[in-house]
């Protein structure tokens, strides 16, 4: 019998993909069904959501675009994908899709991913914030070195501010591994290219056995869309190009410094009244974006 892992993807409360089982065990030569249900808002930013495409994949091409299993030569004539009716309750909609694989082979043992595309801005292909790890578990000898790599991407309208790796600790804010006393002189980033990063840990210890994550922070410039005058009440709103996981916090900046009391879970800043400096200086916003783990 062969084990077929299935990845369950999670977004925020409005955008999720949930699979019925994270592991499927099937007999070679038989048929297996893998199902996922995806959820999305019926409307966002006054735009009704339309699902444009659904696809299953196990690998990506050299441009990091998923290869649809229906067009994958390794599965020719052996796969079918079907989706049920769309069900909407309140402001949320969901739909169930199923992948059927016939005549199972040893080579079919893989992680199967499901993705859907909509007409909402930022939900097209790989334009959203993403971190991918080619290897998710490692076994290394004590005293040796290890390299952990990842690739990442972010919306083109966001400016990359900082990148770093950290050791995951529950209920603790992440901190750069290079400034962690446990890894002093042992953690380095030998590969720092656009869209790619590598963590190297030397002189491995038993206590190094842990979950490591890569994270990056971006900054979005907010350009005024209307003329305002000093003394008016103005509400600035940031609409991100991608749906954000969990509950992000927003920090507004002016003159390269945070606006007092601006850090909060809301994406709005109220200026009442507008001062002379606010009329002259561009306000910037930074999003704290969570990233997928390496376990």
C-alpha atoms as a PDB file:
ATOM      1  CA  UNK A   1       0.000   0.000   0.000  1.00  0.00           C
ATOM      2  CA  UNK A   2       1.222   3.520  -0.768  1.00  0.00           C
ATOM      3  CA  UNK A   3       0.699   6.760   1.110  1.00  0.00           C
ATOM      4  CA  UNK A   4      -0.549   9.835  -0.750  1.00  0.00           C
ATOM      5  CA  UNK A   5      -0.155  13.053   1.253  1.00  0.00           C
ATOM      6  CA  UNK A   6      -2.486  15.950   0.512  1.00  0.00           C
ATOM      7  CA  UNK A   7      -1.614  19.511   1.496  1.00  0.00           C
ATOM      8  CA  UNK A   8      -4.267  21.537   3.291  1.00  0.00           C
ATOM      9  CA  UNK A   9      -3.963  25.242   2.557  1.00  0.00           C
ATOM     10  CA  UNK A  10      -5.218  27.864   4.977  1.00  0.00           C
ATOM     11  CA  UNK A  11      -5.879  31.527   4.305  1.00  0.00           C
ATOM     12  CA  UNK A  12      -7.651  34.026   6.489  1.00  0.00           C
ATOM     13  CA  UNK A  13     -11.229  33.531   7.698  1.00  0.00           C
ATOM     14  CA  UNK A  14     -12.642  34.624   4.337  1.00  0.00           C
ATOM     15  CA  UNK A  15     -10.343  32.656   2.020  1.00  0.00           C
ATOM     16  CA  UNK A  16      -9.610  29.016   2.873  1.00  0.00           C
ATOM     17  CA  UNK A  17      -8.982  25.661   1.255  1.00  0.00           C
ATOM     18  CA  UNK A  18      -9.658  22.620   3.444  1.00  0.00           C
ATOM     19  CA  UNK A  19      -9.084  19.034   2.398  1.00  0.00           C
ATOM     20  CA  UNK A  20     -11.034  16.125   3.857  1.00  0.00           C
ATOM     21  CA  UNK A  21      -7.887  14.217   4.799  1.00  0.00           C
ATOM     22  CA  UNK A  22      -4.202  15.124   4.965  1.00  0.00           C
ATOM     23  CA  UNK A  23      -3.163  11.548   4.107  1.00  0.00           C
ATOM     24  CA  UNK A  24      -4.728   8.986   1.783  1.00  0.00           C
ATOM     25  CA  UNK A  25      -3.650   5.343   1.732  1.00  0.00           C
ATOM     26  CA  UNK A  26      -4.602   3.380  -1.404  1.00  0.00           C
ATOM     27  CA  UNK A  27      -3.683   0.139  -3.154  1.00  0.00           C
ATOM     28  CA  UNK A  28      -1.554   0.302  -6.294  1.00  0.00           C
ATOM     29  CA  UNK A  29      -3.677  -0.115  -9.437  1.00  0.00           C
ATOM     30  CA  UNK A  30      -6.853   1.126  -7.759  1.00  0.00           C
ATOM     31  CA  UNK A  31      -8.656   4.467  -7.899  1.00  0.00           C
ATOM     32  CA  UNK A  32      -8.476   7.204  -5.283  1.00  0.00           C
ATOM     33  CA  UNK A  33     -10.612  10.319  -4.751  1.00  0.00           C
ATOM     34  CA  UNK A  34      -9.156  13.416  -3.081  1.00  0.00           C
ATOM     35  CA  UNK A  35     -11.571  16.190  -2.123  1.00  0.00           C
ATOM     36  CA  UNK A  36     -11.118  19.799  -1.044  1.00  0.00           C
ATOM     37  CA  UNK A  37     -13.601  22.515  -0.172  1.00  0.00           C
ATOM     38  CA  UNK A  38     -12.699  26.142  -0.774  1.00  0.00           C
ATOM     39  CA  UNK A  39     -14.325  29.183   0.772  1.00  0.00           C
ATOM     40  CA  UNK A  40     -14.341  32.781  -0.444  1.00  0.00           C
ATOM     41  CA  UNK A  41     -16.295  36.023   0.128  1.00  0.00           C
ATOM     42  CA  UNK A  42     -19.276  36.578  -2.181  1.00  0.00           C
ATOM     43  CA  UNK A  43     -18.117  40.176  -2.625  1.00  0.00           C
ATOM     44  CA  UNK A  44     -14.924  42.075  -1.833  1.00  0.00           C
ATOM     45  CA  UNK A  45     -14.167  45.777  -2.351  1.00  0.00           C
ATOM     46  CA  UNK A  46     -17.635  46.142  -3.993  1.00  0.00           C
ATOM     47  CA  UNK A  47     -16.665  43.534  -6.608  1.00  0.00           C
ATOM     48  CA  UNK A  48     -18.673  40.299  -6.808  1.00  0.00           C
ATOM     49  CA  UNK A  49     -16.353  37.287  -6.707  1.00  0.00           C
ATOM     50  CA  UNK A  50     -16.292  34.967  -9.705  1.00  0.00           C
ATOM     51  CA  UNK A  51     -14.291  31.719  -9.669  1.00  0.00           C
ATOM     52  CA  UNK A  52     -12.356  31.610 -12.935  1.00  0.00           C
ATOM     53  CA  UNK A  53     -10.417  28.376 -12.579  1.00  0.00           C
ATOM     54  CA  UNK A  54      -9.747  25.405 -10.293  1.00  0.00           C
ATOM     55  CA  UNK A  55      -6.759  23.094 -10.633  1.00  0.00           C
ATOM     56  CA  UNK A  56      -4.830  20.311  -8.938  1.00  0.00           C
ATOM     57  CA  UNK A  57      -1.055  19.992  -9.162  1.00  0.00           C
ATOM     58  CA  UNK A  58       1.949  18.215  -7.653  1.00  0.00           C
ATOM     59  CA  UNK A  59       4.750  20.294  -9.158  1.00  0.00           C
ATOM     60  CA  UNK A  60       5.603  23.684 -10.608  1.00  0.00           C
ATOM     61  CA  UNK A  61       7.439  24.659 -13.787  1.00  0.00           C
ATOM     62  CA  UNK A  62      10.646  26.677 -13.905  1.00  0.00           C
ATOM     63  CA  UNK A  63       8.618  29.886 -13.571  1.00  0.00           C
ATOM     64  CA  UNK A  64       7.042  28.594 -10.329  1.00  0.00           C
ATOM     65  CA  UNK A  65       3.670  28.178 -12.001  1.00  0.00           C
ATOM     66  CA  UNK A  66       1.666  25.048 -11.097  1.00  0.00           C
ATOM     67  CA  UNK A  67       1.429  22.292 -13.698  1.00  0.00           C
ATOM     68  CA  UNK A  68      -2.231  21.265 -13.993  1.00  0.00           C
ATOM     69  CA  UNK A  69      -2.565  17.503 -13.457  1.00  0.00           C
ATOM     70  CA  UNK A  70      -5.051  17.357 -16.334  1.00  0.00           C
ATOM     71  CA  UNK A  71      -2.242  18.402 -18.688  1.00  0.00           C
ATOM     72  CA  UNK A  72       0.582  16.584 -16.852  1.00  0.00           C
ATOM     73  CA  UNK A  73       2.023  13.849 -19.096  1.00  0.00           C
ATOM     74  CA  UNK A  74       2.552  11.555 -16.080  1.00  0.00           C
ATOM     75  CA  UNK A  75      -1.217  11.439 -15.517  1.00  0.00           C
ATOM     76  CA  UNK A  76      -2.522  11.368 -19.100  1.00  0.00           C
ATOM     77  CA  UNK A  77      -5.825   9.508 -19.280  1.00  0.00           C
ATOM     78  CA  UNK A  78      -5.830   8.702 -15.557  1.00  0.00           C
ATOM     79  CA  UNK A  79      -7.162  11.832 -13.826  1.00  0.00           C
ATOM     80  CA  UNK A  80     -10.497  13.611 -13.654  1.00  0.00           C
ATOM     81  CA  UNK A  81     -11.461  16.768 -11.775  1.00  0.00           C
ATOM     82  CA  UNK A  82     -15.022  17.719 -10.887  1.00  0.00           C
ATOM     83  CA  UNK A  83     -16.622  20.435  -8.749  1.00  0.00           C
ATOM     84  CA  UNK A  84     -20.023  20.587  -7.116  1.00  0.00           C
ATOM     85  CA  UNK A  85     -22.483  23.447  -6.977  1.00  0.00           C
ATOM     86  CA  UNK A  86     -21.547  26.747  -5.353  1.00  0.00           C
ATOM     87  CA  UNK A  87     -23.247  27.274  -1.983  1.00  0.00           C
ATOM     88  CA  UNK A  88     -23.501  30.760  -0.473  1.00  0.00           C
ATOM     89  CA  UNK A  89     -24.600  31.505   3.089  1.00  0.00           C
ATOM     90  CA  UNK A  90     -24.642  35.137   4.102  1.00  0.00           C
ATOM     91  CA  UNK A  91     -21.568  36.826   2.621  1.00  0.00           C
ATOM     92  CA  UNK A  92     -19.529  33.615   2.291  1.00  0.00           C
ATOM     93  CA  UNK A  93     -19.519  31.041  -0.516  1.00  0.00           C
ATOM     94  CA  UNK A  94     -18.008  27.569  -0.715  1.00  0.00           C
ATOM     95  CA  UNK A  95     -17.583  24.811  -3.260  1.00  0.00           C
ATOM     96  CA  UNK A  96     -16.266  21.241  -3.132  1.00  0.00           C
ATOM     97  CA  UNK A  97     -13.919  19.854  -5.794  1.00  0.00           C
ATOM     98  CA  UNK A  98     -12.743  16.251  -6.202  1.00  0.00           C
ATOM     99  CA  UNK A  99      -9.721  14.790  -7.973  1.00  0.00           C
ATOM    100  CA  UNK A 100      -9.954  11.152  -9.144  1.00  0.00           C
ATOM    101  CA  UNK A 101      -6.791   9.232 -10.039  1.00  0.00           C
ATOM    102  CA  UNK A 102      -7.155   5.823 -11.705  1.00  0.00           C
ATOM    103  CA  UNK A 103      -4.647   2.979 -12.088  1.00  0.00           C
ATOM    104  CA  UNK A 104      -2.479   4.215  -9.189  1.00  0.00           C
ATOM    105  CA  UNK A 105       1.272   3.854  -9.589  1.00  0.00           C
ATOM    106  CA  UNK A 106       4.187   4.026  -7.178  1.00  0.00           C
ATOM    107  CA  UNK A 107       5.228   7.322  -8.809  1.00  0.00           C
ATOM    108  CA  UNK A 108       1.847   8.853  -7.875  1.00  0.00           C
ATOM    109  CA  UNK A 109       2.894   9.058  -4.216  1.00  0.00           C
ATOM    110  CA  UNK A 110       3.224  12.822  -3.780  1.00  0.00           C
ATOM    111  CA  UNK A 111       1.822  15.942  -2.142  1.00  0.00           C
ATOM    112  CA  UNK A 112      -1.283  17.022  -4.058  1.00  0.00           C
ATOM    113  CA  UNK A 113      -2.137  20.722  -4.039  1.00  0.00           C
ATOM    114  CA  UNK A 114      -5.418  22.405  -4.923  1.00  0.00           C
ATOM    115  CA  UNK A 115      -5.742  25.997  -6.117  1.00  0.00           C
ATOM    116  CA  UNK A 116      -8.495  28.263  -7.345  1.00  0.00           C
ATOM    117  CA  UNK A 117      -8.384  31.605  -9.124  1.00  0.00           C
ATOM    118  CA  UNK A 118     -10.910  34.420  -8.949  1.00  0.00           C
ATOM    119  CA  UNK A 119     -11.498  37.801 -10.530  1.00  0.00           C
ATOM    120  CA  UNK A 120     -10.473  39.572  -7.321  1.00  0.00           C
ATOM    121  CA  UNK A 121      -7.280  41.672  -7.577  1.00  0.00           C
ATOM    122  CA  UNK A 122      -4.256  39.892  -6.134  1.00  0.00           C
ATOM    123  CA  UNK A 123      -5.746  36.411  -6.587  1.00  0.00           C
ATOM    124  CA  UNK A 124      -4.173  35.620  -9.924  1.00  0.00           C
ATOM    125  CA  UNK A 125      -1.544  32.891 -10.043  1.00  0.00           C
ATOM    126  CA  UNK A 126       1.540  33.677  -8.011  1.00  0.00           C
ATOM    127  CA  UNK A 127       1.057  37.430  -7.575  1.00  0.00           C
ATOM    128  CA  UNK A 128       0.369  37.142  -3.823  1.00  0.00           C
ATOM    129  CA  UNK A 129       2.772  36.852  -0.928  1.00  0.00           C
ATOM    130  CA  UNK A 130       4.172  33.352  -0.782  1.00  0.00           C
ATOM    131  CA  UNK A 131       7.051  31.358   0.721  1.00  0.00           C
ATOM    132  CA  UNK A 132       7.900  27.879  -0.604  1.00  0.00           C
ATOM    133  CA  UNK A 133      10.284  25.359   0.941  1.00  0.00           C
ATOM    134  CA  UNK A 134      11.669  22.636  -1.372  1.00  0.00           C
ATOM    135  CA  UNK A 135      12.520  20.412   1.605  1.00  0.00           C
ATOM    136  CA  UNK A 136      10.330  20.325   4.694  1.00  0.00           C
ATOM    137  CA  UNK A 137      12.123  17.787   6.925  1.00  0.00           C
ATOM    138  CA  UNK A 138      15.830  17.077   7.352  1.00  0.00           C
ATOM    139  CA  UNK A 139      17.955  14.562   9.257  1.00  0.00           C
ATOM    140  CA  UNK A 140      21.510  15.801   9.894  1.00  0.00           C
ATOM    141  CA  UNK A 141      24.394  14.600  12.066  1.00  0.00           C
ATOM    142  CA  UNK A 142      25.331  16.449  15.233  1.00  0.00           C
ATOM    143  CA  UNK A 143      28.360  18.688  14.767  1.00  0.00           C
ATOM    144  CA  UNK A 144      27.876  19.121  11.015  1.00  0.00           C
ATOM    145  CA  UNK A 145      26.265  21.922   9.015  1.00  0.00           C
ATOM    146  CA  UNK A 146      22.914  22.209   7.263  1.00  0.00           C
ATOM    147  CA  UNK A 147      21.477  24.505   4.590  1.00  0.00           C
ATOM    148  CA  UNK A 148      17.748  25.284   4.613  1.00  0.00           C
ATOM    149  CA  UNK A 149      16.467  27.111   1.524  1.00  0.00           C
ATOM    150  CA  UNK A 150      13.264  28.767   0.385  1.00  0.00           C
ATOM    151  CA  UNK A 151      11.882  30.876  -2.423  1.00  0.00           C
ATOM    152  CA  UNK A 152       9.481  33.749  -1.872  1.00  0.00           C
ATOM    153  CA  UNK A 153       7.424  36.277  -3.792  1.00  0.00           C
ATOM    154  CA  UNK A 154       5.322  39.329  -3.050  1.00  0.00           C
ATOM    155  CA  UNK A 155       3.006  41.677  -4.979  1.00  0.00           C
ATOM    156  CA  UNK A 156       4.856  43.937  -7.424  1.00  0.00           C
ATOM    157  CA  UNK A 157       3.409  47.035  -5.756  1.00  0.00           C
ATOM    158  CA  UNK A 158       5.122  46.213  -2.436  1.00  0.00           C
ATOM    159  CA  UNK A 159       8.695  47.185  -1.520  1.00  0.00           C
ATOM    160  CA  UNK A 160      10.797  44.606   0.323  1.00  0.00           C
ATOM    161  CA  UNK A 161      11.977  46.011   3.660  1.00  0.00           C
ATOM    162  CA  UNK A 162      13.698  43.134   5.459  1.00  0.00           C
ATOM    163  CA  UNK A 163      14.191  39.354   5.407  1.00  0.00           C
ATOM    164  CA  UNK A 164      15.312  36.913   8.080  1.00  0.00           C
ATOM    165  CA  UNK A 165      14.997  33.364   9.437  1.00  0.00           C
ATOM    166  CA  UNK A 166      13.793  32.513  12.929  1.00  0.00           C
ATOM    167  CA  UNK A 167      13.204  29.547  15.189  1.00  0.00           C
ATOM    168  CA  UNK A 168       9.518  29.019  15.805  1.00  0.00           C
ATOM    169  CA  UNK A 169       8.547  29.351  19.459  1.00  0.00           C
ATOM    170  CA  UNK A 170       4.895  29.283  20.468  1.00  0.00           C
ATOM    171  CA  UNK A 171       3.468  32.565  21.795  1.00  0.00           C
ATOM    172  CA  UNK A 172       6.705  34.439  21.094  1.00  0.00           C
ATOM    173  CA  UNK A 173       7.479  37.176  18.622  1.00  0.00           C
ATOM    174  CA  UNK A 174       9.916  35.998  15.922  1.00  0.00           C
ATOM    175  CA  UNK A 175      13.473  37.304  16.127  1.00  0.00           C
ATOM    176  CA  UNK A 176      16.306  37.135  13.627  1.00  0.00           C
ATOM    177  CA  UNK A 177      18.224  33.884  14.144  1.00  0.00           C
ATOM    178  CA  UNK A 178      21.505  35.735  13.640  1.00  0.00           C
ATOM    179  CA  UNK A 179      20.795  37.766  16.783  1.00  0.00           C
ATOM    180  CA  UNK A 180      19.616  34.736  18.791  1.00  0.00           C
ATOM    181  CA  UNK A 181      22.124  33.928  21.547  1.00  0.00           C
ATOM    182  CA  UNK A 182      21.613  30.178  21.005  1.00  0.00           C
ATOM    183  CA  UNK A 183      22.960  30.524  17.458  1.00  0.00           C
ATOM    184  CA  UNK A 184      25.656  33.128  17.998  1.00  0.00           C
ATOM    185  CA  UNK A 185      28.337  32.645  15.360  1.00  0.00           C
ATOM    186  CA  UNK A 186      26.538  29.587  13.938  1.00  0.00           C
ATOM    187  CA  UNK A 187      23.709  31.046  11.806  1.00  0.00           C
ATOM    188  CA  UNK A 188      24.349  32.778   8.495  1.00  0.00           C
ATOM    189  CA  UNK A 189      22.553  33.585   5.257  1.00  0.00           C
ATOM    190  CA  UNK A 190      24.985  32.620   2.480  1.00  0.00           C
ATOM    191  CA  UNK A 191      22.427  33.026  -0.307  1.00  0.00           C
ATOM    192  CA  UNK A 192      20.441  36.269  -0.386  1.00  0.00           C
ATOM    193  CA  UNK A 193      19.014  36.816  -3.845  1.00  0.00           C
ATOM    194  CA  UNK A 194      15.778  38.361  -5.002  1.00  0.00           C
ATOM    195  CA  UNK A 195      13.111  35.760  -4.326  1.00  0.00           C
ATOM    196  CA  UNK A 196      15.481  33.258  -2.705  1.00  0.00           C
ATOM    197  CA  UNK A 197      17.117  32.807   0.702  1.00  0.00           C
ATOM    198  CA  UNK A 198      19.200  30.152   2.483  1.00  0.00           C
ATOM    199  CA  UNK A 199      19.834  29.605   6.186  1.00  0.00           C
ATOM    200  CA  UNK A 200      23.051  27.817   7.142  1.00  0.00           C
ATOM    201  CA  UNK A 201      23.495  26.476  10.678  1.00  0.00           C
ATOM    202  CA  UNK A 202      26.954  25.199  11.596  1.00  0.00           C
ATOM    203  CA  UNK A 203      28.136  22.993  14.484  1.00  0.00           C
ATOM    204  CA  UNK A 204      24.686  21.448  14.874  1.00  0.00           C
ATOM    205  CA  UNK A 205      23.490  20.606  18.382  1.00  0.00           C
ATOM    206  CA  UNK A 206      20.674  18.435  19.701  1.00  0.00           C
ATOM    207  CA  UNK A 207      18.861  21.589  20.811  1.00  0.00           C
ATOM    208  CA  UNK A 208      18.810  22.791  17.189  1.00  0.00           C
ATOM    209  CA  UNK A 209      16.084  20.258  16.371  1.00  0.00           C
ATOM    210  CA  UNK A 210      13.176  22.628  15.766  1.00  0.00           C
ATOM    211  CA  UNK A 211      10.878  24.292  13.258  1.00  0.00           C
ATOM    212  CA  UNK A 212      12.533  27.073  11.260  1.00  0.00           C
ATOM    213  CA  UNK A 213      10.700  29.733   9.306  1.00  0.00           C
ATOM    214  CA  UNK A 214      11.604  32.455   6.874  1.00  0.00           C
ATOM    215  CA  UNK A 215       9.789  35.776   6.939  1.00  0.00           C
ATOM    216  CA  UNK A 216       9.940  39.071   5.127  1.00  0.00           C
ATOM    217  CA  UNK A 217       8.340  42.465   5.588  1.00  0.00           C
ATOM    218  CA  UNK A 218       7.079  44.693   2.826  1.00  0.00           C
ATOM    219  CA  UNK A 219       6.032  48.305   2.582  1.00  0.00           C
ATOM    220  CA  UNK A 220       3.221  49.672   0.479  1.00  0.00           C
ATOM    221  CA  UNK A 221       3.153  53.292  -0.659  1.00  0.00           C
ATOM    222  CA  UNK A 222      -0.220  54.976  -0.321  1.00  0.00           C
ATOM    223  CA  UNK A 223      -0.791  57.619  -2.964  1.00  0.00           C
ATOM    224  CA  UNK A 224      -3.489  60.255  -2.343  1.00  0.00           C
ATOM    225  CA  UNK A 225      -6.438  60.003  -4.728  1.00  0.00           C
ATOM    226  CA  UNK A 226      -8.018  63.333  -3.818  1.00  0.00           C
ATOM    227  CA  UNK A 227      -7.008  66.870  -2.901  1.00  0.00           C
ATOM    228  CA  UNK A 228      -7.336  67.819   0.770  1.00  0.00           C
ATOM    229  CA  UNK A 229      -6.771  71.067   2.631  1.00  0.00           C
ATOM    230  CA  UNK A 230      -5.431  71.773   6.085  1.00  0.00           C
ATOM    231  CA  UNK A 231      -8.083  71.479   8.792  1.00  0.00           C
ATOM    232  CA  UNK A 232     -10.223  68.851   7.054  1.00  0.00           C
ATOM    233  CA  UNK A 233     -11.035  65.416   8.469  1.00  0.00           C
ATOM    234  CA  UNK A 234      -9.524  62.695   6.250  1.00  0.00           C
ATOM    235  CA  UNK A 235      -9.688  58.913   6.451  1.00  0.00           C
ATOM    236  CA  UNK A 236      -6.871  57.024   4.710  1.00  0.00           C
ATOM    237  CA  UNK A 237      -7.598  53.420   3.764  1.00  0.00           C
ATOM    238  CA  UNK A 238      -5.153  50.770   2.563  1.00  0.00           C
ATOM    239  CA  UNK A 239      -6.542  47.991   0.372  1.00  0.00           C
ATOM    240  CA  UNK A 240      -3.995  45.190   0.008  1.00  0.00           C
ATOM    241  CA  UNK A 241      -3.551  43.407  -3.295  1.00  0.00           C
ATOM    242  CA  UNK A 242      -3.689  39.994  -1.601  1.00  0.00           C
ATOM    243  CA  UNK A 243      -5.909  38.413   1.056  1.00  0.00           C
ATOM    244  CA  UNK A 244      -3.915  38.297   4.308  1.00  0.00           C
ATOM    245  CA  UNK A 245      -3.737  35.280   6.579  1.00  0.00           C
ATOM    246  CA  UNK A 246      -4.496  35.525  10.289  1.00  0.00           C
ATOM    247  CA  UNK A 247      -5.021  39.090  11.589  1.00  0.00           C
ATOM    248  CA  UNK A 248      -2.341  41.472  10.361  1.00  0.00           C
ATOM    249  CA  UNK A 249      -1.528  44.751  12.075  1.00  0.00           C
ATOM    250  CA  UNK A 250      -0.952  47.988  10.183  1.00  0.00           C
ATOM    251  CA  UNK A 251       1.562  50.749  10.948  1.00  0.00           C
ATOM    252  CA  UNK A 252       1.330  54.105   9.203  1.00  0.00           C
ATOM    253  CA  UNK A 253       4.531  56.094   8.620  1.00  0.00           C
ATOM    254  CA  UNK A 254       5.291  59.753   8.076  1.00  0.00           C
ATOM    255  CA  UNK A 255       8.777  61.196   7.509  1.00  0.00           C
ATOM    256  CA  UNK A 256      10.195  57.648   7.906  1.00  0.00           C
ATOM    257  CA  UNK A 257       8.749  57.393  11.421  1.00  0.00           C
ATOM    258  CA  UNK A 258       5.567  55.702  12.683  1.00  0.00           C
ATOM    259  CA  UNK A 259       2.527  57.876  13.263  1.00  0.00           C
ATOM    260  CA  UNK A 260       1.779  57.883  17.002  1.00  0.00           C
ATOM    261  CA  UNK A 261      -0.906  55.378  17.938  1.00  0.00           C
ATOM    262  CA  UNK A 262      -1.318  54.168  14.348  1.00  0.00           C
ATOM    263  CA  UNK A 263      -0.525  50.464  14.940  1.00  0.00           C
ATOM    264  CA  UNK A 264      -3.791  48.572  15.035  1.00  0.00           C
ATOM    265  CA  UNK A 265      -5.613  45.704  13.304  1.00  0.00           C
ATOM    266  CA  UNK A 266      -7.582  48.123  11.107  1.00  0.00           C
ATOM    267  CA  UNK A 267      -6.420  49.277   7.691  1.00  0.00           C
ATOM    268  CA  UNK A 268      -7.538  52.889   8.194  1.00  0.00           C
ATOM    269  CA  UNK A 269      -5.945  56.026   9.617  1.00  0.00           C
ATOM    270  CA  UNK A 270      -8.097  59.041  10.553  1.00  0.00           C
ATOM    271  CA  UNK A 271      -6.513  62.507  10.439  1.00  0.00           C
ATOM    272  CA  UNK A 272      -8.749  64.991  12.217  1.00  0.00           C
ATOM    273  CA  UNK A 273      -7.833  67.649  11.491  1.00  0.00           C
ATOM    274  CA  UNK A 274      -5.250  67.349   8.742  1.00  0.00           C
ATOM    275  CA  UNK A 275      -2.079  69.198   9.733  1.00  0.00           C
ATOM    276  CA  UNK A 276       0.280  71.067   7.414  1.00  0.00           C
ATOM    277  CA  UNK A 277       2.946  68.327   7.523  1.00  0.00           C
ATOM    278  CA  UNK A 278       0.436  65.620   6.555  1.00  0.00           C
ATOM    279  CA  UNK A 279      -0.477  67.646   3.492  1.00  0.00           C
ATOM    280  CA  UNK A 280       3.148  67.758   2.371  1.00  0.00           C
ATOM    281  CA  UNK A 281       4.513  64.346   3.283  1.00  0.00           C
ATOM    282  CA  UNK A 282       3.647  60.958   1.791  1.00  0.00           C
ATOM    283  CA  UNK A 283       2.311  58.423   4.262  1.00  0.00           C
ATOM    284  CA  UNK A 284       3.612  54.875   4.081  1.00  0.00           C
ATOM    285  CA  UNK A 285       2.092  51.685   5.396  1.00  0.00           C
ATOM    286  CA  UNK A 286       3.785  48.478   6.429  1.00  0.00           C
ATOM    287  CA  UNK A 287       2.038  45.129   6.684  1.00  0.00           C
ATOM    288  CA  UNK A 288       3.215  42.429   9.029  1.00  0.00           C
ATOM    289  CA  UNK A 289       2.725  39.370   6.863  1.00  0.00           C
ATOM    290  CA  UNK A 290       2.836  35.804   8.288  1.00  0.00           C
ATOM    291  CA  UNK A 291       4.692  33.170   6.248  1.00  0.00           C
ATOM    292  CA  UNK A 292       4.361  29.384   5.950  1.00  0.00           C
ATOM    293  CA  UNK A 293       6.489  27.226   8.267  1.00  0.00           C
ATOM    294  CA  UNK A 294       9.250  24.710   7.681  1.00  0.00           C
ATOM    295  CA  UNK A 295       8.748  21.750   9.966  1.00  0.00           C
END
